[in-house]
All heavy atoms as atom14 arrays in JSON, in Angstrom:
{
  "sequence": "DVADMVADTLGVGIGWAAAPPRSPNLLMFIEAGL",
  "atom14_mask": [
    [1, 1, 1, 1, 1, 1, 1, 1, 0, 0, 0, 0, 0, 0],
    [1, 1, 1, 1, 1, 1, 1, 0, 0, 0, 0, 0, 0, 0],
    [1, 1, 1, 1, 1, 0, 0, 0, 0, 0, 0, 0, 0, 0],
    [1, 1, 1, 1, 1, 1, 1, 1, 0, 0, 0, 0, 0, 0],
    [1, 1, 1, 1, 1, 1, 1, 1, 0, 0, 0, 0, 0, 0],
    [1, 1, 1, 1, 1, 1, 1, 0, 0, 0, 0, 0, 0, 0],
    [1, 1, 1, 1, 1, 0, 0, 0, 0, 0, 0, 0, 0, 0],
    [1, 1, 1, 1, 1, 1, 1, 1, 0, 0, 0, 0, 0, 0],
    [1, 1, 1, 1, 1, 1, 1, 0, 0, 0, 0, 0, 0, 0],
    [1, 1, 1, 1, 1, 1, 1, 1, 0, 0, 0, 0, 0, 0],
    [1, 1, 1, 1, 0, 0, 0, 0, 0, 0, 0, 0, 0, 0],
    [1, 1, 1, 1, 1, 1, 1, 0, 0, 0, 0, 0, 0, 0],
    [1, 1, 1, 1, 0, 0, 0, 0, 0, 0, 0, 0, 0, 0],
    [1, 1, 1, 1, 1, 1, 1, 1, 0, 0, 0, 0, 0, 0],
    [1, 1, 1, 1, 0, 0, 0, 0, 0, 0, 0, 0, 0, 0],
    [1, 1, 1, 1, 1, 1, 1, 1, 1, 1, 1, 1, 1, 1],
    [1, 1, 1, 1, 1, 0, 0, 0, 0, 0, 0, 0, 0, 0],
    [1, 1, 1, 1, 1, 0, 0, 0, 0, 0, 0, 0, 0, 0],
    [1, 1, 1, 1, 1, 0, 0, 0, 0, 0, 0, 0, 0, 0],
    [1, 1, 1, 1, 1, 1, 1, 0, 0, 0, 0, 0, 0, 0],
    [1, 1, 1, 1, 1, 1, 1, 0, 0, 0, 0, 0, 0, 0],
    [1, 1, 1, 1, 1, 1, 1, 1, 1, 1, 1, 0, 0, 0],
    [1, 1, 1, 1, 1, 1, 0, 0, 0, 0, 0, 0, 0, 0],
    [1, 1, 1, 1, 1, 1, 1, 0, 0, 0, 0, 0, 0, 0],
    [1, 1, 1, 1, 1, 1, 1, 1, 0, 0, 0, 0, 0, 0],
    [1, 1, 1, 1, 1, 1, 1, 1, 0, 0, 0, 0, 0, 0],
    [1, 1, 1, 1, 1, 1, 1, 1, 0, 0, 0, 0, 0, 0],
    [1, 1, 1, 1, 1, 1, 1, 1, 0, 0, 0, 0, 0, 0],
    [1, 1, 1, 1, 1, 1, 1, 1, 1, 1, 1, 0, 0, 0],
    [1, 1, 1, 1, 1, 1, 1, 1, 0, 0, 0, 0, 0, 0],
    [1, 1, 1, 1, 1, 1, 1, 1, 1, 0, 0, 0, 0, 0],
    [1, 1, 1, 1, 1, 0, 0, 0, 0, 0, 0, 0, 0, 0],
    [1, 1, 1, 1, 0, 0, 0, 0, 0, 0, 0, 0, 0, 0],
    [1, 1, 1, 1, 1, 1, 1, 1, 0, 0, 0, 0, 0, 0]
  ],
  "atom14_positions": [
    [[5.8, 28.75, -18.84], [5.57, 29.58, -17.66], [4.38, 30.5, -17.9], [4.43, 31.39, -18.75], [6.83, 30.39, -17.35], [6.78, 31.12, -16.03], [5.71, 31.15, -15.37], [7.83, 31.68, -15.63], [0.0, 0.0, 0.0], [0.0, 0.0, 0.0], [0.0, 0.0, 0.0], [0.0, 0.0, 0.0], [0.0, 0.0, 0.0], [0.0, 0.0, 0.0]],
    [[3.32, 30.28, -17.15], [2.12, 31.11, -17.28], [2.46, 32.57, -16.95], [1.9, 33.49, -17.55], [0.99, 30.58, -16.37], [-0.19, 31.53, -16.34], [0.54, 29.2, -16.85], [0.0, 0.0, 0.0], [0.0, 0.0, 0.0], [0.0, 0.0, 0.0], [0.0, 0.0, 0.0], [0.0, 0.0, 0.0], [0.0, 0.0, 0.0], [0.0, 0.0, 0.0]],
    [[3.37, 32.78, -16.01], [3.76, 34.16, -15.65], [4.37, 34.89, -16.85], [4.22, 36.12, -16.97], [4.73, 34.15, -14.48], [0.0, 0.0, 0.0], [0.0, 0.0, 0.0], [0.0, 0.0, 0.0], [0.0, 0.0, 0.0], [0.0, 0.0, 0.0], [0.0, 0.0, 0.0], [0.0, 0.0, 0.0], [0.0, 0.0, 0.0], [0.0, 0.0, 0.0]],
    [[5.04, 34.17, -17.73], [5.57, 34.8, -18.95], [4.42, 35.26, -19.85], [4.49, 36.32, -20.47], [6.47, 33.83, -19.72], [7.81, 33.61, -19.04], [8.14, 34.36, -18.1], [8.52, 32.67, -19.45], [0.0, 0.0, 0.0], [0.0, 0.0, 0.0], [0.0, 0.0, 0.0], [0.0, 0.0, 0.0], [0.0, 0.0, 0.0], [0.0, 0.0, 0.0]],
    [[3.35, 34.46, -19.92], [2.18, 34.84, -20.71], [1.55, 36.11, -20.15], [1.13, 36.99, -20.9], [1.14, 33.72, -20.7], [1.56, 32.46, -21.39], [0.18, 31.28, -21.23], [1.03, 29.76, -21.53], [0.0, 0.0, 0.0], [0.0, 0.0, 0.0], [0.0, 0.0, 0.0], [0.0, 0.0, 0.0], [0.0, 0.0, 0.0], [0.0, 0.0, 0.0]],
    [[1.49, 36.19, -18.83], [0.94, 37.37, -18.18], [1.82, 38.59, -18.49], [1.31, 39.67, -18.82], [0.8, 37.16, -16.66], [0.41, 38.45, -15.95], [-0.21, 36.05, -16.37], [0.0, 0.0, 0.0], [0.0, 0.0, 0.0], [0.0, 0.0, 0.0], [0.0, 0.0, 0.0], [0.0, 0.0, 0.0], [0.0, 0.0, 0.0], [0.0, 0.0, 0.0]],
    [[3.13, 38.42, -18.41], [4.05, 39.52, -18.71], [3.91, 39.97, -20.16], [3.94, 41.18, -20.44], [5.5, 39.1, -18.41], [0.0, 0.0, 0.0], [0.0, 0.0, 0.0], [0.0, 0.0, 0.0], [0.0, 0.0, 0.0], [0.0, 0.0, 0.0], [0.0, 0.0, 0.0], [0.0, 0.0, 0.0], [0.0, 0.0, 0.0], [0.0, 0.0, 0.0]],
    [[3.76, 39.01, -21.07], [3.54, 39.36, -22.49], [2.28, 40.19, -22.65], [2.27, 41.22, -23.33], [3.42, 38.09, -23.34], [4.65, 37.21, -23.32], [5.73, 37.69, -22.95], [4.51, 36.02, -23.67], [0.0, 0.0, 0.0], [0.0, 0.0, 0.0], [0.0, 0.0, 0.0], [0.0, 0.0, 0.0], [0.0, 0.0, 0.0], [0.0, 0.0, 0.0]],
    [[1.21, 39.74, -22.01], [-0.08, 40.42, -22.12], [-0.01, 41.82, -21.52], [-0.53, 42.79, -22.11], [-1.17, 39.58, -21.44], [-1.21, 38.28, -22.06], [-2.53, 40.24, -21.55], [0.0, 0.0, 0.0], [0.0, 0.0, 0.0], [0.0, 0.0, 0.0], [0.0, 0.0, 0.0], [0.0, 0.0, 0.0], [0.0, 0.0, 0.0], [0.0, 0.0, 0.0]],
    [[0.62, 41.95, -20.36], [0.79, 43.27, -19.76], [1.62, 44.17, -20.67], [1.32, 45.36, -20.81], [1.45, 43.16, -18.39], [0.58, 42.57, -17.28], [1.41, 42.35, -16.01], [-0.61, 43.47, -17.0], [0.0, 0.0, 0.0], [0.0, 0.0, 0.0], [0.0, 0.0, 0.0], [0.0, 0.0, 0.0], [0.0, 0.0, 0.0], [0.0, 0.0, 0.0]],
    [[2.65, 43.6, -21.3], [3.46, 44.38, -22.23], [2.64, 44.9, -23.39], [2.78, 46.06, -23.8], [0.0, 0.0, 0.0], [0.0, 0.0, 0.0], [0.0, 0.0, 0.0], [0.0, 0.0, 0.0], [0.0, 0.0, 0.0], [0.0, 0.0, 0.0], [0.0, 0.0, 0.0], [0.0, 0.0, 0.0], [0.0, 0.0, 0.0], [0.0, 0.0, 0.0]],
    [[1.77, 44.06, -23.94], [0.89, 44.49, -25.03], [0.03, 45.66, -24.57], [-0.1, 46.68, -25.26], [0.03, 43.32, -25.55], [-1.06, 43.82, -26.48], [0.89, 42.28, -26.26], [0.0, 0.0, 0.0], [0.0, 0.0, 0.0], [0.0, 0.0, 0.0], [0.0, 0.0, 0.0], [0.0, 0.0, 0.0], [0.0, 0.0, 0.0], [0.0, 0.0, 0.0]],
    [[-0.54, 45.55, -23.38], [-1.37, 46.63, -22.85], [-0.6, 47.91, -22.64], [-1.08, 49.01, -22.96], [0.0, 0.0, 0.0], [0.0, 0.0, 0.0], [0.0, 0.0, 0.0], [0.0, 0.0, 0.0], [0.0, 0.0, 0.0], [0.0, 0.0, 0.0], [0.0, 0.0, 0.0], [0.0, 0.0, 0.0], [0.0, 0.0, 0.0], [0.0, 0.0, 0.0]],
    [[0.62, 47.79, -22.13], [1.46, 48.97, -21.92], [1.82, 49.61, -23.25], [1.78, 50.84, -23.4], [2.72, 48.59, -21.11], [2.32, 48.27, -19.67], [3.77, 49.7, -21.17], [3.41, 47.59, -18.87], [0.0, 0.0, 0.0], [0.0, 0.0, 0.0], [0.0, 0.0, 0.0], [0.0, 0.0, 0.0], [0.0, 0.0, 0.0], [0.0, 0.0, 0.0]],
    [[2.17, 48.77, -24.23], [2.52, 49.31, -25.56], [1.36, 50.06, -26.18], [1.54, 51.12, -26.78], [0.0, 0.0, 0.0], [0.0, 0.0, 0.0], [0.0, 0.0, 0.0], [0.0, 0.0, 0.0], [0.0, 0.0, 0.0], [0.0, 0.0, 0.0], [0.0, 0.0, 0.0], [0.0, 0.0, 0.0], [0.0, 0.0, 0.0], [0.0, 0.0, 0.0]],
    [[0.16, 49.52, -26.05], [-1.03, 50.18, -26.59], [-1.28, 51.49, -25.84], [-1.53, 52.53, -26.45], [-2.24, 49.26, -26.49], [-3.47, 49.79, -27.19], [-3.8, 51.08, -27.43], [-4.53, 49.0, -27.73], [-5.01, 51.16, -28.08], [-5.49, 49.89, -28.28], [-4.78, 47.64, -27.79], [-6.66, 49.45, -28.88], [-5.94, 47.21, -28.41], [-6.87, 48.11, -28.94]],
    [[-1.21, 51.44, -24.51], [-1.49, 52.63, -23.71], [-0.47, 53.74, -23.97], [-0.81, 54.93, -23.92], [-1.5, 52.27, -22.22], [0.0, 0.0, 0.0], [0.0, 0.0, 0.0], [0.0, 0.0, 0.0], [0.0, 0.0, 0.0], [0.0, 0.0, 0.0], [0.0, 0.0, 0.0], [0.0, 0.0, 0.0], [0.0, 0.0, 0.0], [0.0, 0.0, 0.0]],
    [[0.77, 53.36, -24.25], [1.81, 54.36, -24.47], [1.84, 54.9, -25.9], [2.51, 55.9, -26.18], [3.18, 53.74, -24.15], [0.0, 0.0, 0.0], [0.0, 0.0, 0.0], [0.0, 0.0, 0.0], [0.0, 0.0, 0.0], [0.0, 0.0, 0.0], [0.0, 0.0, 0.0], [0.0, 0.0, 0.0], [0.0, 0.0, 0.0], [0.0, 0.0, 0.0]],
    [[1.12, 54.26, -26.79], [1.18, 54.61, -28.22], [0.47, 55.93, -28.51], [-0.32, 56.41, -27.72], [0.54, 53.48, -29.03], [0.0, 0.0, 0.0], [0.0, 0.0, 0.0], [0.0, 0.0, 0.0], [0.0, 0.0, 0.0], [0.0, 0.0, 0.0], [0.0, 0.0, 0.0], [0.0, 0.0, 0.0], [0.0, 0.0, 0.0], [0.0, 0.0, 0.0]],
    [[0.81, 56.51, -29.68], [0.11, 57.72, -30.1], [-1.39, 57.49, -30.09], [-1.83, 56.37, -30.36], [0.62, 57.94, -31.54], [1.94, 57.23, -31.57], [1.79, 56.06, -30.64], [0.0, 0.0, 0.0], [0.0, 0.0, 0.0], [0.0, 0.0, 0.0], [0.0, 0.0, 0.0], [0.0, 0.0, 0.0], [0.0, 0.0, 0.0], [0.0, 0.0, 0.0]],
    [[-2.17, 58.45, -29.7], [-1.87, 59.88, -29.56], [-1.37, 60.28, -28.18], [-1.12, 61.46, -27.93], [-3.22, 60.54, -29.85], [-4.22, 59.56, -29.33], [-3.62, 58.2, -29.6], [0.0, 0.0, 0.0], [0.0, 0.0, 0.0], [0.0, 0.0, 0.0], [0.0, 0.0, 0.0], [0.0, 0.0, 0.0], [0.0, 0.0, 0.0], [0.0, 0.0, 0.0]],
    [[-1.2, 59.34, -27.25], [-0.71, 59.69, -25.92], [0.78, 60.0, -25.9], [1.29, 60.54, -24.93], [-1.03, 58.57, -24.94], [-2.53, 58.49, -24.63], [-2.92, 57.23, -23.94], [-2.79, 56.02, -24.76], [-3.63, 55.69, -25.75], [-4.62, 56.47, -26.05], [-3.47, 54.59, -26.43], [0.0, 0.0, 0.0], [0.0, 0.0, 0.0], [0.0, 0.0, 0.0]],
    [[1.46, 59.65, -26.93], [2.9, 59.95, -27.06], [3.17, 60.32, -28.51], [2.33, 60.07, -29.39], [3.72, 58.72, -26.66], [3.52, 57.68, -27.57], [0.0, 0.0, 0.0], [0.0, 0.0, 0.0], [0.0, 0.0, 0.0], [0.0, 0.0, 0.0], [0.0, 0.0, 0.0], [0.0, 0.0, 0.0], [0.0, 0.0, 0.0], [0.0, 0.0, 0.0]],
    [[4.32, 60.9, -28.77], [4.64, 61.25, -30.17], [4.76, 60.01, -31.04], [5.19, 58.96, -30.58], [5.99, 61.96, -30.06], [6.16, 62.31, -28.63], [5.36, 61.33, -27.85], [0.0, 0.0, 0.0], [0.0, 0.0, 0.0], [0.0, 0.0, 0.0], [0.0, 0.0, 0.0], [0.0, 0.0, 0.0], [0.0, 0.0, 0.0], [0.0, 0.0, 0.0]],
    [[4.4, 60.16, -32.29], [4.59, 59.08, -33.25], [6.02, 59.2, -33.78], [6.33, 60.08, -34.57], [3.58, 59.19, -34.4], [3.62, 57.98, -35.31], [4.69, 57.53, -35.7], [2.46, 57.47, -35.66], [0.0, 0.0, 0.0], [0.0, 0.0, 0.0], [0.0, 0.0, 0.0], [0.0, 0.0, 0.0], [0.0, 0.0, 0.0], [0.0, 0.0, 0.0]],
    [[6.88, 58.32, -33.31], [8.29, 58.38, -33.67], [8.51, 58.16, -35.16], [9.43, 58.74, -35.74], [9.09, 57.35, -32.86], [9.03, 57.52, -31.34], [9.78, 56.4, -30.66], [9.56, 58.87, -30.92], [0.0, 0.0, 0.0], [0.0, 0.0, 0.0], [0.0, 0.0, 0.0], [0.0, 0.0, 0.0], [0.0, 0.0, 0.0], [0.0, 0.0, 0.0]],
    [[7.69, 57.34, -35.77], [7.85, 57.07, -37.2], [7.52, 58.31, -38.02], [8.22, 58.62, -39.0], [7.0, 55.88, -37.62], [7.3, 54.57, -36.88], [6.4, 53.46, -37.37], [8.76, 54.2, -36.98], [0.0, 0.0, 0.0], [0.0, 0.0, 0.0], [0.0, 0.0, 0.0], [0.0, 0.0, 0.0], [0.0, 0.0, 0.0], [0.0, 0.0, 0.0]],
    [[6.48, 59.05, -37.63], [6.16, 60.29, -38.32], [7.28, 61.32, -38.12], [7.62, 62.07, -39.04], [4.83, 60.86, -37.84], [3.64, 60.05, -38.28], [2.11, 60.77, -37.7], [1.24, 60.89, -39.25], [0.0, 0.0, 0.0], [0.0, 0.0, 0.0], [0.0, 0.0, 0.0], [0.0, 0.0, 0.0], [0.0, 0.0, 0.0], [0.0, 0.0, 0.0]],
    [[7.85, 61.33, -36.92], [8.97, 62.23, -36.63], [10.17, 61.9, -37.53], [10.79, 62.8, -38.1], [9.34, 62.1, -35.14], [10.49, 62.96, -34.73], [10.32, 64.32, -34.54], [11.74, 62.41, -34.55], [11.39, 65.12, -34.15], [12.81, 63.19, -34.16], [12.64, 64.56, -33.96], [0.0, 0.0, 0.0], [0.0, 0.0, 0.0], [0.0, 0.0, 0.0]],
    [[10.47, 60.63, -37.68], [11.58, 60.22, -38.55], [11.29, 60.61, -39.98], [12.16, 61.15, -40.68], [11.83, 58.69, -38.43], [12.38, 58.36, -37.05], [12.77, 58.21, -39.53], [12.4, 56.88, -36.73], [0.0, 0.0, 0.0], [0.0, 0.0, 0.0], [0.0, 0.0, 0.0], [0.0, 0.0, 0.0], [0.0, 0.0, 0.0], [0.0, 0.0, 0.0]],
    [[10.08, 60.35, -40.44], [9.72, 60.71, -41.81], [9.78, 62.2, -42.05], [10.25, 62.66, -43.09], [8.35, 60.15, -42.16], [8.35, 58.66, -42.35], [7.04, 58.13, -42.93], [6.11, 58.93, -43.21], [6.95, 56.91, -43.11], [0.0, 0.0, 0.0], [0.0, 0.0, 0.0], [0.0, 0.0, 0.0], [0.0, 0.0, 0.0], [0.0, 0.0, 0.0]],
    [[9.37, 62.99, -41.08], [9.44, 64.45, -41.2], [10.89, 64.89, -41.3], [11.24, 65.78, -42.09], [8.76, 65.13, -40.01], [0.0, 0.0, 0.0], [0.0, 0.0, 0.0], [0.0, 0.0, 0.0], [0.0, 0.0, 0.0], [0.0, 0.0, 0.0], [0.0, 0.0, 0.0], [0.0, 0.0, 0.0], [0.0, 0.0, 0.0], [0.0, 0.0, 0.0]],
    [[11.77, 64.25, -40.54], [13.19, 64.57, -40.6], [13.79, 64.21, -41.95], [14.63, 64.95, -42.49], [0.0, 0.0, 0.0], [0.0, 0.0, 0.0], [0.0, 0.0, 0.0], [0.0, 0.0, 0.0], [0.0, 0.0, 0.0], [0.0, 0.0, 0.0], [0.0, 0.0, 0.0], [0.0, 0.0, 0.0], [0.0, 0.0, 0.0], [0.0, 0.0, 0.0]],
    [[13.34, 63.11, -42.52], [13.85, 62.69, -43.82], [13.37, 63.62, -44.93], [14.03, 63.78, -45.95], [13.41, 61.26, -44.14], [14.04, 60.18, -43.25], [13.41, 58.83, -43.55], [15.55, 60.13, -43.45], [0.0, 0.0, 0.0], [0.0, 0.0, 0.0], [0.0, 0.0, 0.0], [0.0, 0.0, 0.0], [0.0, 0.0, 0.0], [0.0, 0.0, 0.0]]
  ]
}
């Protein structure tokens, strides 16, 4: 399904756009807690 490929690609773009520095780095937060 080509539409699945499009959804995958959009997901990659959303993940990149949502990633730090635009949002907190959850892994750094976890490490700070530890």
